Amino acid sequence: VTVIERALESEGSRLLNVAGDEAMTIRELAETIGAAVGREPVFEEHTTAIGDVVTDNRRMRDVFGLSSLVRLEDGLARTAAAV
């Protein structure tokens, strides 16, 4: 949320990877969201391999002066509780 707020307040445009400190797969993300909302995710298996994903958030941290981030699990729990 802080990144989005600061991006809206900033001038110009930038290309940034908006991400937390922990890398996770789409499956792990779905399972984490499912745990936060109390639902079991449903998956369809496919054999298509996409390749590696790089999750480097240093530029985002530098541009917006972020020293700490909310852990994904904590942010999802807060969001689910607020609904």
Protein backbone atom coordinates (compact mmCIF):
# COMPACT_ATOMS: atom_id res chain seq x y z
CA VAL A 1 0.00 0.00 0.00
CA THR A 2 2.85 2.38 0.85
CA VAL A 3 4.45 1.82 -2.55
CA ILE A 4 1.18 2.57 -4.35
CA GLU A 5 0.60 5.70 -2.26
CA ARG A 6 4.13 6.97 -2.92
CA ALA A 7 3.90 6.13 -6.62
CA LEU A 8 0.68 8.14 -6.94
CA GLU A 9 2.32 11.10 -5.19
CA SER A 10 5.50 11.01 -7.28
CA GLU A 11 6.15 12.79 -10.55
CA GLY A 12 7.20 11.10 -13.76
CA SER A 13 7.14 7.42 -14.45
CA ARG A 14 9.33 4.50 -13.44
CA LEU A 15 9.53 0.81 -14.10
CA LEU A 16 9.78 -0.99 -10.76
CA ASN A 17 9.32 -4.52 -9.51
CA VAL A 18 6.75 -4.12 -6.72
CA ALA A 19 7.48 -7.13 -4.56
CA GLY A 20 8.23 -8.27 -1.06
CA ASP A 21 11.45 -9.79 0.15
CA GLU A 22 10.36 -13.41 -0.24
CA ALA A 23 10.13 -15.16 -3.61
CA MET A 24 7.32 -17.67 -3.97
CA THR A 25 5.64 -19.68 -6.68
CA ILE A 26 2.11 -19.03 -7.89
CA ARG A 27 1.08 -22.18 -6.02
CA GLU A 28 2.62 -20.87 -2.78
CA LEU A 29 0.93 -17.51 -3.31
CA ALA A 30 -2.46 -19.17 -3.84
CA GLU A 31 -1.97 -21.34 -0.75
CA THR A 32 -0.99 -18.29 1.33
CA ILE A 33 -4.05 -16.36 0.15
CA GLY A 34 -6.23 -19.41 0.78
CA ALA A 35 -4.95 -19.69 4.34
CA ALA A 36 -5.67 -15.99 4.96
CA VAL A 37 -9.28 -16.24 3.75
CA GLY A 38 -9.99 -19.75 5.02
CA ARG A 39 -10.44 -21.40 1.62
CA GLU A 40 -8.55 -24.16 -0.11
CA PRO A 41 -7.27 -23.13 -3.55
CA VAL A 42 -8.06 -25.31 -6.57
CA PHE A 43 -5.27 -25.97 -9.05
CA GLU A 44 -5.18 -27.22 -12.62
CA GLU A 45 -1.89 -28.83 -13.58
CA HIS A 46 -0.24 -27.87 -16.86
CA THR A 47 3.03 -29.02 -18.34
CA THR A 48 4.04 -25.66 -19.78
CA ALA A 49 7.33 -24.48 -18.29
CA ILE A 50 7.70 -20.71 -18.15
CA GLY A 51 11.24 -20.23 -16.85
CA ASP A 52 12.80 -18.38 -13.97
CA VAL A 53 11.35 -15.27 -12.35
CA VAL A 54 13.62 -12.66 -10.84
CA THR A 55 12.30 -10.92 -7.73
CA ASP A 56 14.59 -8.02 -7.01
CA ASN A 57 12.93 -5.17 -5.13
CA ARG A 58 16.04 -3.05 -4.44
CA ARG A 59 15.08 -0.34 -6.92
CA MET A 60 11.58 -0.05 -5.42
CA ARG A 61 13.11 0.25 -1.94
CA ASP A 62 15.59 2.91 -3.12
CA VAL A 63 13.09 5.00 -5.10
CA PHE A 64 10.51 5.10 -2.31
CA GLY A 65 12.89 5.02 0.66
CA LEU A 66 11.54 1.81 2.16
CA SER A 67 13.52 0.18 4.92
CA SER A 68 10.97 -2.42 5.97
CA LEU A 69 8.05 -4.20 4.36
CA VAL A 70 4.99 -5.97 5.75
CA ARG A 71 5.29 -9.74 5.33
CA LEU A 72 2.81 -11.09 2.76
CA GLU A 73 1.10 -13.35 5.29
CA ASP A 74 0.60 -10.43 7.70
CA GLY A 75 -0.74 -8.11 4.99
CA LEU A 76 -3.15 -10.75 3.71
CA ALA A 77 -4.37 -11.49 7.25
CA ARG A 78 -4.98 -7.76 7.85
CA THR A 79 -6.82 -7.46 4.53
CA ALA A 80 -8.99 -10.51 5.19
CA ALA A 81 -9.84 -9.26 8.70
CA ALA A 82 -10.85 -5.85 7.32
CA VAL A 83 -13.43 -7.30 4.90
